[in-house]
Amino acid sequence: MYGERARHNRAVAAKLRLADLLAGLSLVADLGYGLVPGHAMRSCLVGVALGRKVGLSERDVAETFYTLLLSHVGCAAFSHEMSAVFGDELMANRAAARTNFADPKDIFVTLIPESTRGLPPLARARTAAFIVARGRELGRSYCSTVCEIAKETARRIDLPEGVQSALLQVKESWNGSGFPQGLRGEEIQAPARIARVASEAVLFYDLGGVDLSTHAVTRRAGSLLDPALVHDFVVNAHGLLEEAAAGDPREAILAAEPEPVVEKHEDDLPDVASAFGDLVDLKTPFTHGHSKEVARLAKGAAERLSFDGPATERLYVAAFLHDVGKVGISDQLWEKPGPLTGPEWEQVRMHAYHTERILATSKALEPVARIAGMHHERLDGSGYHRGCRAGEIPEPARVLAAADAFQTMTEDRPYRAALDLERAAKELEALAESGKLDPAAVAAVVETAGQRVHRRRELRPGGLTNREIEVLRLVARACSNREIADQLHISQRTAEHHVQNTYAKIGVTTRSAAALFAIKHDLLPSLES
C-alpha cells in the first residue's frame, strides 16, 4: 500500500516534510504519556487507513493524519499536577489510558491498582480516596490541558483550523461524558472520533494483540467511541493493525501522508522546534521558557564565535529541542526537593539519550540530534550520557552545554534558589577554569547574557492589566488561588476573580495553556530582571 510512493518521497526529500518532523517528534508524546515508542505513528497509520475505508474525504483524512500525530503532545503539560497526586505520573498515565471510564467498576479494577502500584499502604489509600472523591475533576483538568496545548501547538506550526478543532475534541466521548466541551455523537468531528478509536486500538494491540484490541474497543463502543467506526474497525482489525505494525513506522508515515504533501522551508525549522521546546518546558513550573532562553544564548554565543550561518541555525534548533527527552522521566524526580539517589540519577541522565534518539528519528532533525544529546557532556569526561572528553565534543555542543548550564543556574529549582546574572557568570567561569566547560564558549555565553537588552513586547497582550500579568506569572508557577492572594496581599476571592478574568481574556481554561501564553509573549521574569 505504501511502497508505491517511494519515488515521490525521494523527489521531495530536498525540502523538509512536515510529516517527517512530526513523526519524529511524536515520540515526545509517546514518552510523556508512558506509551510504547511509535504509538502515535502506528495510530496514525490505522486512523488514516480506517478513514479511507469509511469514505472520508481526503481533506478529513489529512486532518485525521495530523490529529493523530499530535493528539498526545499536551500530556507533558499536566505532569506537575499528575505527579502531585500519583507520584509517578508516567505510571498513572499508562493506567488511565487502559481504564474504561465508561465503566465505573474499571476505576477500581484498573485505574486505582495500576496507578498506585509501589506506593506505601497509606499513600495508596490516600490516592485511592482522591480518585474516588475528585477523580472526575482531575480528569476534566487533564483533558482540557492536553487538548488546549495540542491545539495551540498545531496553530503555531500552521496546521489548518480543522486539525486544531479536532485536537480540541480528541478527549470527547460519543455519549457526551468527555471533556473539555462535553460534545456528543456527531457533534464531534470525524477526525477526532477516528483518532480516538485508532489510538485505543493500537494501545490494546500493543498489550495483547488483535483480539484484546477488538475486545477493548468493542467494550467502549457507544459510550466513549463511535459505534459505527468501531464496527468498521473490528471488521478490518487484522489488516489495519498488522500492516501498521509492519516495518519502519516513520517510512510508512511518509508513504501514507495525504496529498498534497506539506513541506516546510528550512527557515521554518526553528519555529517548529520552538513550539516543541516550549511544550516540553511546561513539564515543570520552574522550566517555563527554559529552551527558548537557552536557544537565545546559544545563538548569540555562536555569532560571537563567528560560526557560519548554517552551523548557527543548526545550533539554534538543537538548543530549542535539547530537553525533549526529559518528558520520559517522571516529575517526581525533576521536582524532588532533596538530593537524588544513585538509581534516580541514572534515570535523570537518560533524558539526554532520549533527546538524541527522538531527534535522530527524523531526517530533518537528525543533523542536530548529536549536538542536542551532548548538552550535558563535559570536557573532562564527567558529563553524560556518553561521558565524552574534549576531543569528542564538537564546538556547537560546547556552546550548548555552556548556554544550558548558565540558563539553569538562573532558574529556581526545588532544591535551590535561582542565581543572579553576576553569580551565575562566576559559577560558569569556574566550570571553565576547572576544565569542565570550554572557556571560549563560556565567555561568549556570558557576554551574550550580559549584553542582552530588554526584549520589547506588547504593552498589554490580550488586553491584560498589570495586575493580571502579575497573576498570570504566579499561575504559570503553579501557585494556588490562596498562594496568589498571599503573594499579592489580596483576598482569595479577589485572586480567583483575577484568575478567571485573565483566562477569559487570553482564551484559555488551564494553567499550562496560560503558562504557554506567558512564554509566547515574554511575560515571565527574564534574566535581565
Protein backbone atom coordinates (compact mmCIF):
# COMPACT_ATOMS: atom_id res chain seq x y z
CA MET A 1 0.00 0.00 0.00
CA TYR A 2 2.74 2.42 0.97
CA GLY A 3 5.59 1.37 -1.34
CA GLU A 4 4.14 2.93 -4.48
CA ARG A 5 5.00 6.44 -3.28
CA ALA A 6 8.71 5.83 -2.69
CA ARG A 7 9.80 7.66 -5.85
CA HIS A 8 7.63 10.64 -4.93
CA ASN A 9 9.18 10.72 -1.46
CA ARG A 10 12.67 10.93 -2.93
CA ALA A 11 11.58 13.78 -5.20
CA VAL A 12 10.60 15.97 -2.25
CA ALA A 13 13.43 14.87 0.04
CA ALA A 14 15.34 18.09 -0.65
CA LYS A 15 12.66 20.01 1.27
CA LEU A 16 11.50 19.47 4.84
CA ARG A 17 8.49 17.18 5.08
CA LEU A 18 6.20 18.24 7.92
CA ALA A 19 5.18 14.60 8.27
CA ASP A 20 8.83 13.66 8.85
CA LEU A 21 9.23 16.33 11.52
CA LEU A 22 6.03 15.43 13.34
CA ALA A 23 6.58 11.69 13.09
CA GLY A 24 9.93 12.06 14.83
CA LEU A 25 8.63 14.50 17.42
CA SER A 26 5.57 12.32 18.09
CA LEU A 27 7.96 10.19 20.14
CA VAL A 28 7.95 13.06 22.64
CA ALA A 29 4.23 12.44 23.17
CA ASP A 30 4.72 8.67 23.40
CA LEU A 31 7.36 9.09 26.10
CA GLY A 32 5.42 11.71 28.02
CA TYR A 33 2.25 9.63 28.02
CA GLY A 34 4.07 6.46 29.04
CA LEU A 35 3.24 4.70 25.77
CA VAL A 36 5.24 2.30 23.62
CA PRO A 37 7.54 4.32 21.32
CA GLY A 38 5.93 4.60 17.91
CA HIS A 39 2.38 4.52 19.29
CA ALA A 40 1.39 7.83 17.69
CA MET A 41 2.83 6.87 14.31
CA ARG A 42 1.11 3.49 14.25
CA SER A 43 -2.16 5.02 15.47
CA CYS A 44 -1.85 7.49 12.63
CA LEU A 45 -1.45 4.68 10.10
CA VAL A 46 -4.50 2.85 11.49
CA GLY A 47 -6.58 6.04 11.59
CA VAL A 48 -5.73 7.09 8.04
CA ALA A 49 -6.48 3.63 6.66
CA LEU A 50 -9.74 3.43 8.62
CA GLY A 51 -10.74 6.90 7.46
CA ARG A 52 -10.29 5.91 3.85
CA LYS A 53 -12.23 2.67 4.35
CA VAL A 54 -15.24 4.56 5.72
CA GLY A 55 -15.14 7.05 2.85
CA LEU A 56 -13.77 10.21 4.46
CA SER A 57 -12.81 12.99 2.08
CA GLU A 58 -9.08 13.44 1.56
CA ARG A 59 -9.34 16.70 3.50
CA ASP A 60 -10.75 14.83 6.51
CA VAL A 61 -8.15 12.09 6.06
CA ALA A 62 -5.42 14.74 6.15
CA GLU A 63 -6.91 16.23 9.32
CA THR A 64 -7.02 12.74 10.85
CA PHE A 65 -3.36 12.22 9.91
CA TYR A 66 -2.09 15.31 11.74
CA THR A 67 -4.53 14.96 14.62
CA LEU A 68 -3.18 11.51 15.44
CA LEU A 69 0.46 12.59 15.28
CA LEU A 70 -0.26 15.40 17.75
CA SER A 71 -3.11 14.05 19.88
CA HIS A 72 -0.97 13.35 22.97
CA VAL A 73 1.62 16.14 22.70
CA GLY A 74 -0.03 18.10 25.51
CA CYS A 75 0.25 15.36 28.12
CA ALA A 76 3.60 16.60 29.48
CA ALA A 77 1.94 19.92 30.30
CA PHE A 78 -0.09 18.25 33.06
CA SER A 79 2.84 16.34 34.57
CA HIS A 80 3.15 18.63 37.59
CA GLU A 81 -0.47 18.13 38.62
CA MET A 82 -0.44 14.37 37.97
CA SER A 83 2.79 13.89 39.89
CA ALA A 84 1.38 15.82 42.85
CA VAL A 85 -1.41 13.24 43.09
CA PHE A 86 0.24 9.99 41.98
CA GLY A 87 3.99 10.47 42.37
CA ASP A 88 4.99 8.75 39.14
CA GLU A 89 2.76 10.46 36.60
CA LEU A 90 4.01 8.24 33.75
CA MET A 91 2.69 5.15 35.52
CA ALA A 92 -0.57 6.98 36.22
CA ASN A 93 -0.87 7.98 32.55
CA ARG A 94 -0.45 4.37 31.48
CA ALA A 95 -3.08 3.27 33.97
CA ALA A 96 -5.53 5.94 32.83
CA ALA A 97 -5.01 5.03 29.18
CA ARG A 98 -6.03 1.42 29.92
CA THR A 99 -9.07 2.36 32.01
CA ASN A 100 -12.58 2.23 30.56
CA PHE A 101 -14.03 5.33 32.21
CA ALA A 102 -17.49 4.45 30.90
CA ASP A 103 -17.48 1.50 33.32
CA PRO A 104 -17.25 2.68 36.96
CA LYS A 105 -16.02 -0.76 38.03
CA ASP A 106 -12.91 -0.31 35.90
CA ILE A 107 -11.86 2.60 38.10
CA PHE A 108 -11.37 0.08 40.90
CA VAL A 109 -10.19 -2.81 38.74
CA THR A 110 -7.66 -0.95 36.58
CA LEU A 111 -7.04 2.71 37.42
CA ILE A 112 -6.56 2.57 41.19
CA PRO A 113 -4.44 -0.63 41.36
CA GLU A 114 -2.20 0.28 38.42
CA SER A 115 -1.72 3.97 39.24
CA THR A 116 -0.83 3.31 42.89
CA ARG A 117 1.41 0.28 42.39
CA GLY A 118 4.56 0.53 44.50
CA LEU A 119 3.25 3.22 46.85
CA PRO A 120 3.32 2.66 50.62
CA PRO A 121 -0.05 1.48 52.02
CA LEU A 122 -1.03 4.86 53.47
CA ALA A 123 -0.15 6.68 50.24
CA ARG A 124 -2.12 4.10 48.23
CA ALA A 125 -5.15 4.67 50.44
CA ARG A 126 -4.90 8.46 50.15
CA THR A 127 -4.51 8.34 46.38
CA ALA A 128 -7.43 5.94 46.02
CA ALA A 129 -9.59 8.23 48.15
CA PHE A 130 -8.58 11.20 45.99
CA ILE A 131 -9.51 9.34 42.81
CA VAL A 132 -12.94 8.44 44.18
CA ALA A 133 -13.64 11.94 45.52
CA ARG A 134 -12.01 14.17 42.92
CA GLY A 135 -11.03 11.95 40.03
CA ARG A 136 -13.56 13.40 37.61
CA GLU A 137 -12.40 16.94 38.37
CA LEU A 138 -8.79 15.88 37.78
CA GLY A 139 -9.82 14.16 34.54
CA ARG A 140 -11.52 17.31 33.31
CA SER A 141 -8.41 19.38 34.02
CA TYR A 142 -6.17 16.79 32.40
CA CYS A 143 -8.23 16.52 29.21
CA SER A 144 -8.65 20.28 28.95
CA THR A 145 -4.91 20.80 29.31
CA VAL A 146 -3.95 18.11 26.80
CA CYS A 147 -6.43 19.42 24.24
CA GLU A 148 -5.65 23.12 24.63
CA ILE A 149 -1.90 22.58 24.41
CA ALA A 150 -2.23 20.29 21.38
CA LYS A 151 -4.45 22.83 19.63
CA GLU A 152 -2.02 25.67 20.33
CA THR A 153 0.91 23.58 19.10
CA ALA A 154 -0.94 22.90 15.84
CA ARG A 155 -1.67 26.61 15.47
CA ARG A 156 1.98 27.51 15.99
CA ILE A 157 3.14 25.19 13.22
CA ASP A 158 0.45 26.49 10.84
CA LEU A 159 -1.76 23.42 10.62
CA PRO A 160 -5.31 24.07 9.36
CA GLU A 161 -8.14 25.09 11.68
CA GLY A 162 -9.77 21.71 11.10
CA VAL A 163 -6.79 20.00 12.74
CA GLN A 164 -6.80 22.50 15.58
CA SER A 165 -10.51 21.89 16.21
CA ALA A 166 -10.10 18.11 16.07
CA LEU A 167 -7.26 18.26 18.60
CA LEU A 168 -9.54 20.18 20.96
CA GLN A 169 -12.03 17.30 20.67
CA VAL A 170 -9.86 14.17 20.91
CA LYS A 171 -10.88 13.58 24.54
CA GLU A 172 -14.61 13.94 23.87
CA SER A 173 -16.82 10.84 24.18
CA TRP A 174 -19.62 9.56 21.95
CA ASN A 175 -22.11 9.65 24.86
CA GLY A 176 -21.23 13.21 25.89
CA SER A 177 -19.28 12.27 29.02
CA GLY A 178 -15.93 13.51 27.71
CA PHE A 179 -14.03 16.76 28.06
CA PRO A 180 -13.42 19.63 27.65
CA GLN A 181 -16.68 20.61 25.93
CA GLY A 182 -18.99 17.67 26.65
CA LEU A 183 -19.75 17.13 22.96
CA ARG A 184 -21.66 14.02 21.94
CA GLY A 185 -22.22 11.92 18.84
CA GLU A 186 -21.64 13.62 15.54
CA GLU A 187 -21.06 16.96 17.26
CA ILE A 188 -17.52 15.57 17.48
CA GLN A 189 -15.59 15.96 14.23
CA ALA A 190 -14.95 12.75 12.31
CA PRO A 191 -11.13 13.11 12.53
CA ALA A 192 -11.36 13.34 16.33
CA ARG A 193 -13.67 10.31 16.53
CA ILE A 194 -11.39 8.24 14.31
CA ALA A 195 -8.34 9.39 16.25
CA ARG A 196 -9.79 8.08 19.49
CA VAL A 197 -10.73 4.70 18.02
CA ALA A 198 -7.30 4.30 16.39
CA SER A 199 -5.37 5.31 19.50
CA GLU A 200 -7.32 2.95 21.77
CA ALA A 201 -6.98 0.14 19.23
CA VAL A 202 -3.19 0.43 18.98
CA LEU A 203 -2.79 0.78 22.75
CA PHE A 204 -4.50 -2.55 23.39
CA TYR A 205 -2.89 -4.20 20.37
CA ASP A 206 0.47 -3.47 21.99
CA LEU A 207 -0.78 -5.01 25.23
CA GLY A 208 -2.30 -8.19 23.84
CA GLY A 209 -2.64 -8.34 20.08
CA VAL A 210 -5.62 -8.11 17.76
CA ASP A 211 -8.06 -9.98 19.99
CA LEU A 212 -7.50 -7.73 23.00
CA SER A 213 -7.67 -4.66 20.77
CA THR A 214 -11.03 -5.57 19.26
CA HIS A 215 -12.39 -6.60 22.66
CA ALA A 216 -11.34 -3.29 24.26
CA VAL A 217 -12.77 -1.01 21.58
CA THR A 218 -15.99 -3.04 21.41
CA ARG A 219 -16.47 -2.56 25.17
CA ARG A 220 -16.13 1.20 24.65
CA ALA A 221 -18.46 1.40 21.62
CA GLY A 222 -21.47 3.64 22.16
CA SER A 223 -20.03 5.18 25.31
CA LEU A 224 -16.53 6.52 24.65
CA LEU A 225 -16.26 5.56 20.98
CA ASP A 226 -18.38 5.98 17.85
CA PRO A 227 -20.12 2.57 17.47
CA ALA A 228 -20.21 2.71 13.66
CA LEU A 229 -16.48 3.40 13.49
CA VAL A 230 -15.81 0.63 16.00
CA HIS A 231 -17.78 -1.79 13.81
CA ASP A 232 -15.78 -0.81 10.72
CA PHE A 233 -12.55 -1.13 12.66
CA VAL A 234 -13.38 -4.57 14.07
CA VAL A 235 -14.29 -5.91 10.63
CA ASN A 236 -10.89 -4.80 9.30
CA ALA A 237 -8.84 -5.08 12.50
CA HIS A 238 -6.32 -7.72 11.44
CA GLY A 239 -5.29 -5.89 8.30
CA LEU A 240 -5.29 -2.42 9.86
CA LEU A 241 -3.26 -3.33 12.94
CA GLU A 242 -0.79 -5.74 11.41
CA GLU A 243 0.00 -3.53 8.44
CA ALA A 244 0.61 -0.60 10.79
CA ALA A 245 2.92 -2.77 12.92
CA ALA A 246 4.99 -3.98 9.97
CA GLY A 247 8.30 -2.31 9.08
CA ASP A 248 9.57 1.15 9.96
CA PRO A 249 6.59 3.30 11.00
CA ARG A 250 8.35 6.52 10.01
CA GLU A 251 8.78 5.35 6.43
CA ALA A 252 5.17 4.17 6.40
CA ILE A 253 4.02 7.57 7.68
CA LEU A 254 5.76 9.34 4.80
CA ALA A 255 4.12 6.97 2.34
CA ALA A 256 0.67 7.35 3.92
CA GLU A 257 0.74 11.15 4.15
CA PRO A 258 -2.30 12.52 2.29
CA GLU A 259 -1.86 14.71 -0.76
CA PRO A 260 -0.79 17.40 -1.14
CA VAL A 261 2.39 16.70 0.81
CA VAL A 262 3.01 19.52 3.29
CA GLU A 263 6.52 20.92 3.07
CA LYS A 264 8.34 23.40 5.25
CA HIS A 265 11.18 25.67 4.24
CA GLU A 266 14.39 25.22 6.19
CA ASP A 267 13.85 28.72 7.58
CA ASP A 268 10.68 27.42 9.28
CA LEU A 269 12.51 24.74 11.26
CA PRO A 270 13.30 26.98 14.27
CA ASP A 271 9.59 27.83 14.58
CA VAL A 272 8.64 24.15 14.74
CA ALA A 273 11.49 23.46 17.16
CA SER A 274 10.45 26.39 19.34
CA ALA A 275 6.87 25.11 19.56
CA PHE A 276 8.03 21.72 20.83
CA GLY A 277 10.68 23.20 23.11
CA ASP A 278 8.08 25.40 24.80
CA LEU A 279 5.74 22.43 25.11
CA VAL A 280 8.37 20.29 26.86
CA ASP A 281 9.26 23.14 29.21
CA LEU A 282 5.69 23.06 30.54
CA LYS A 283 6.51 19.77 32.26
CA THR A 284 7.70 21.57 35.40
CA PRO A 285 6.69 25.07 36.55
CA PHE A 286 10.30 26.18 37.07
CA THR A 287 11.43 25.42 33.49
CA HIS A 288 8.88 27.52 31.60
CA GLY A 289 10.74 29.26 28.79
CA HIS A 290 13.99 27.42 29.53
CA SER A 291 14.62 26.13 26.00
CA LYS A 292 13.71 29.48 24.46
CA GLU A 293 16.31 31.24 26.61
CA VAL A 294 18.95 28.56 26.00
CA ALA A 295 18.38 28.98 22.26
CA ARG A 296 18.83 32.76 22.51
CA LEU A 297 22.04 32.37 24.49
CA ALA A 298 23.41 29.69 22.17
CA LYS A 299 22.64 31.63 19.01
CA GLY A 300 24.15 34.82 20.39
CA ALA A 301 27.26 32.98 21.52
CA ALA A 302 27.61 31.27 18.12
CA GLU A 303 27.50 34.65 16.39
CA ARG A 304 30.18 36.00 18.73
CA LEU A 305 32.33 32.96 17.97
CA SER A 306 31.90 33.57 14.20
CA PHE A 307 30.05 30.33 13.42
CA ASP A 308 28.86 30.29 9.83
CA GLY A 309 25.15 30.69 9.11
CA PRO A 310 24.20 27.01 8.73
CA ALA A 311 26.13 25.99 11.86
CA THR A 312 24.45 28.76 13.87
CA GLU A 313 21.00 27.69 12.68
CA ARG A 314 21.66 24.02 13.49
CA LEU A 315 22.77 25.00 16.99
CA TYR A 316 19.71 27.23 17.37
CA VAL A 317 17.37 24.34 16.51
CA ALA A 318 19.30 21.92 18.74
CA ALA A 319 19.00 24.36 21.64
CA PHE A 320 15.22 24.57 21.32
CA LEU A 321 14.99 20.77 21.36
CA HIS A 322 17.80 19.78 23.74
CA ASP A 323 15.44 18.80 26.57
CA VAL A 324 12.71 16.92 24.70
CA GLY A 325 13.93 13.68 26.28
CA LYS A 326 13.04 14.90 29.77
CA VAL A 327 9.37 14.04 29.17
CA GLY A 328 10.31 10.38 29.63
CA ILE A 329 11.48 10.97 33.21
CA SER A 330 8.90 11.32 35.97
CA ASP A 331 8.29 14.68 37.61
CA GLN A 332 8.76 13.06 40.98
CA LEU A 333 12.49 13.19 40.16
CA TRP A 334 12.59 16.60 38.46
CA GLU A 335 10.68 18.16 41.37
CA LYS A 336 12.38 16.29 44.20
CA PRO A 337 13.46 18.88 46.81
CA GLY A 338 16.37 16.85 48.14
CA PRO A 339 19.36 15.04 46.61
CA LEU A 340 18.73 12.23 44.13
CA THR A 341 19.76 8.67 44.91
CA GLY A 342 22.16 6.81 42.63
CA PRO A 343 19.38 4.98 40.73
CA GLU A 344 17.41 8.22 40.42
CA TRP A 345 20.43 9.95 38.92
CA GLU A 346 20.74 7.17 36.36
CA GLN A 347 17.14 7.82 35.29
CA VAL A 348 17.70 11.57 35.01
CA ARG A 349 20.86 11.10 32.97
CA MET A 350 18.83 9.15 30.41
CA HIS A 351 16.99 12.29 29.28
CA ALA A 352 19.92 13.35 27.10
CA TYR A 353 19.93 9.92 25.46
CA HIS A 354 16.18 10.13 24.85
CA THR A 355 16.62 13.55 23.25
CA GLU A 356 19.21 12.26 20.81
CA ARG A 357 17.20 9.20 19.82
CA ILE A 358 13.97 11.17 19.33
CA LEU A 359 15.64 13.69 17.04
CA ALA A 360 17.56 11.02 15.13
CA THR A 361 14.23 9.51 14.07
CA SER A 362 13.54 12.48 11.77
CA LYS A 363 15.64 13.06 8.66
CA ALA A 364 15.18 16.81 9.09
CA LEU A 365 16.32 16.74 12.73
CA GLU A 366 18.99 14.05 12.53
CA PRO A 367 21.75 16.63 11.80
CA VAL A 368 21.12 18.28 15.20
CA ALA A 369 20.47 15.11 17.20
CA ARG A 370 24.03 14.52 18.41
CA ILE A 371 24.56 18.17 19.34
CA ALA A 372 21.33 18.27 21.33
CA GLY A 373 22.10 14.97 23.04
CA MET A 374 25.51 16.26 24.20
CA HIS A 375 24.26 19.24 26.22
CA HIS A 376 25.41 17.65 29.49
CA GLU A 377 28.81 16.45 28.26
CA ARG A 378 31.88 17.96 29.94
CA LEU A 379 35.41 18.34 28.60
CA ASP A 380 36.92 16.29 31.43
CA GLY A 381 34.64 13.30 30.74
CA SER A 382 32.45 13.84 33.82
CA GLY A 383 29.28 14.59 31.85
CA TYR A 384 26.60 12.39 30.31
CA HIS A 385 25.10 10.49 28.56
CA ARG A 386 28.26 9.23 26.82
CA GLY A 387 30.93 10.62 29.14
CA CYS A 388 32.76 12.22 26.19
CA ARG A 389 36.04 14.07 26.61
CA ALA A 390 37.23 17.27 24.96
CA GLY A 391 38.35 15.79 21.65
CA GLU A 392 34.96 14.13 21.14
CA ILE A 393 32.81 17.20 21.82
CA PRO A 394 32.30 19.49 18.79
CA GLU A 395 32.27 23.25 19.23
CA PRO A 396 28.47 23.67 18.84
CA ALA A 397 27.87 21.12 21.62
CA ARG A 398 30.32 23.01 23.85
CA VAL A 399 28.35 26.21 23.32
CA LEU A 400 25.05 24.45 24.02
CA ALA A 401 26.45 22.95 27.22
CA ALA A 402 27.54 26.38 28.45
CA ALA A 403 24.24 28.03 27.49
CA ASP A 404 22.18 25.32 29.18
CA ALA A 405 24.30 25.41 32.34
CA PHE A 406 24.07 29.20 32.59
CA GLN A 407 20.32 29.35 32.00
CA THR A 408 19.71 26.56 34.52
CA MET A 409 21.67 28.47 37.17
CA THR A 410 19.40 31.49 36.74
CA GLU A 411 16.22 29.46 37.28
CA ASP A 412 14.69 28.30 40.54
CA ARG A 413 14.88 24.62 41.34
CA PRO A 414 13.12 22.71 44.14
CA TYR A 415 16.45 22.29 45.94
CA ARG A 416 17.87 25.84 45.48
CA ALA A 417 17.01 29.40 44.53
CA ALA A 418 17.98 30.99 41.22
CA LEU A 419 21.32 32.78 40.95
CA ASP A 420 21.54 36.35 39.71
CA LEU A 421 23.40 37.13 36.49
CA GLU A 422 26.68 38.05 38.15
CA ARG A 423 26.80 34.98 40.38
CA ALA A 424 25.80 32.68 37.51
CA ALA A 425 28.56 34.15 35.33
CA LYS A 426 31.14 33.49 38.05
CA GLU A 427 29.92 29.93 38.52
CA LEU A 428 30.09 29.30 34.78
CA GLU A 429 33.60 30.73 34.57
CA ALA A 430 34.64 28.49 37.45
CA LEU A 431 33.45 25.47 35.47
CA ALA A 432 35.64 26.61 32.58
CA GLU A 433 38.64 27.08 34.86
CA SER A 434 38.18 23.58 36.29
CA GLY A 435 38.27 22.07 32.79
CA LYS A 436 34.61 21.09 32.54
CA LEU A 437 33.34 23.72 30.08
CA ASP A 438 35.02 25.34 27.10
CA PRO A 439 36.45 28.77 28.08
CA ALA A 440 35.63 30.39 24.72
CA ALA A 441 32.06 29.07 24.80
CA VAL A 442 31.63 30.28 28.38
CA ALA A 443 32.95 33.75 27.55
CA ALA A 444 30.60 34.03 24.56
CA VAL A 445 27.57 32.90 26.60
CA VAL A 446 28.36 35.27 29.47
CA GLU A 447 28.86 38.15 27.05
CA THR A 448 25.56 37.34 25.32
CA ALA A 449 23.71 37.24 28.64
CA GLY A 450 25.32 40.43 29.92
CA GLN A 451 24.66 42.46 26.79
CA ARG A 452 21.15 41.21 26.15
CA VAL A 453 18.86 44.19 26.01
CA HIS A 454 15.37 44.12 27.43
CA ARG A 455 13.11 42.49 24.87
CA ARG A 456 10.31 44.62 23.56
CA ARG A 457 6.89 43.06 23.92
CA GLU A 458 3.31 44.08 23.53
CA LEU A 459 2.46 46.51 26.28
CA ARG A 460 -0.62 44.56 27.36
CA PRO A 461 -1.02 41.36 25.32
CA GLY A 462 -4.57 40.08 25.38
CA GLY A 463 -5.66 43.34 26.98
CA LEU A 464 -4.25 42.20 30.34
CA THR A 465 -3.83 44.75 33.11
CA ASN A 466 -0.58 44.96 35.06
CA ARG A 467 -2.25 43.15 37.95
CA GLU A 468 -3.45 40.38 35.64
CA ILE A 469 0.08 39.97 34.27
CA GLU A 470 1.28 39.53 37.87
CA VAL A 471 -1.44 36.93 38.38
CA LEU A 472 -0.53 35.17 35.13
CA ARG A 473 3.08 34.84 36.24
CA LEU A 474 2.00 33.26 39.52
CA VAL A 475 -0.44 30.92 37.77
CA ALA A 476 2.40 29.80 35.49
CA ARG A 477 4.41 28.91 38.59
CA ALA A 478 1.51 26.63 39.68
CA CYS A 479 0.50 28.85 42.58
CA SER A 480 -2.95 28.16 44.01
CA ASN A 481 -5.51 30.93 44.41
CA ARG A 482 -4.64 31.10 48.10
CA GLU A 483 -0.92 31.44 47.31
CA ILE A 484 -1.65 34.14 44.73
CA ALA A 485 -3.72 36.01 47.31
CA ASP A 486 -0.92 35.79 49.89
CA GLN A 487 1.78 36.98 47.49
CA LEU A 488 -0.26 39.90 46.15
CA HIS A 489 -1.80 40.79 49.55
CA ILE A 490 -5.36 40.45 48.29
CA SER A 491 -8.29 38.27 49.31
CA GLN A 492 -8.62 34.77 47.91
CA ARG A 493 -11.92 35.74 46.31
CA THR A 494 -10.22 38.65 44.53
CA ALA A 495 -7.43 36.33 43.39
CA GLU A 496 -10.00 33.89 41.97
CA HIS A 497 -11.68 36.78 40.15
CA HIS A 498 -8.35 37.89 38.63
CA VAL A 499 -7.54 34.33 37.51
CA GLN A 500 -10.93 33.93 35.84
CA ASN A 501 -10.62 37.31 34.08
CA THR A 502 -7.09 36.52 32.93
CA TYR A 503 -8.12 33.15 31.50
CA ALA A 504 -11.10 34.72 29.73
CA LYS A 505 -9.01 37.48 28.15
CA ILE A 506 -6.36 35.15 26.74
CA GLY A 507 -8.83 32.42 25.73
CA VAL A 508 -7.66 29.51 27.89
CA THR A 509 -9.11 27.40 30.68
CA THR A 510 -6.00 25.72 32.12
CA ARG A 511 -2.83 26.66 33.95
CA SER A 512 -0.50 25.19 31.33
CA ALA A 513 -2.21 26.99 28.46
CA ALA A 514 -1.89 30.22 30.44
CA ALA A 515 1.81 29.48 31.00
CA LEU A 516 2.27 28.88 27.28
CA PHE A 517 0.69 32.28 26.57
CA ALA A 518 3.12 33.86 29.04
CA ILE A 519 6.10 32.16 27.36
CA LYS A 520 4.95 33.24 23.90
CA HIS A 521 4.57 36.89 24.92
CA ASP A 522 7.75 37.07 27.06
CA LEU A 523 5.73 37.77 30.20
CA LEU A 524 7.75 35.55 32.54
CA PRO A 525 10.55 37.08 34.64
CA SER A 526 13.68 37.24 32.48
CA LEU A 527 17.42 37.13 33.13
CA GLU A 528 17.82 40.87 32.90
CA SER A 529 15.18 41.38 35.61
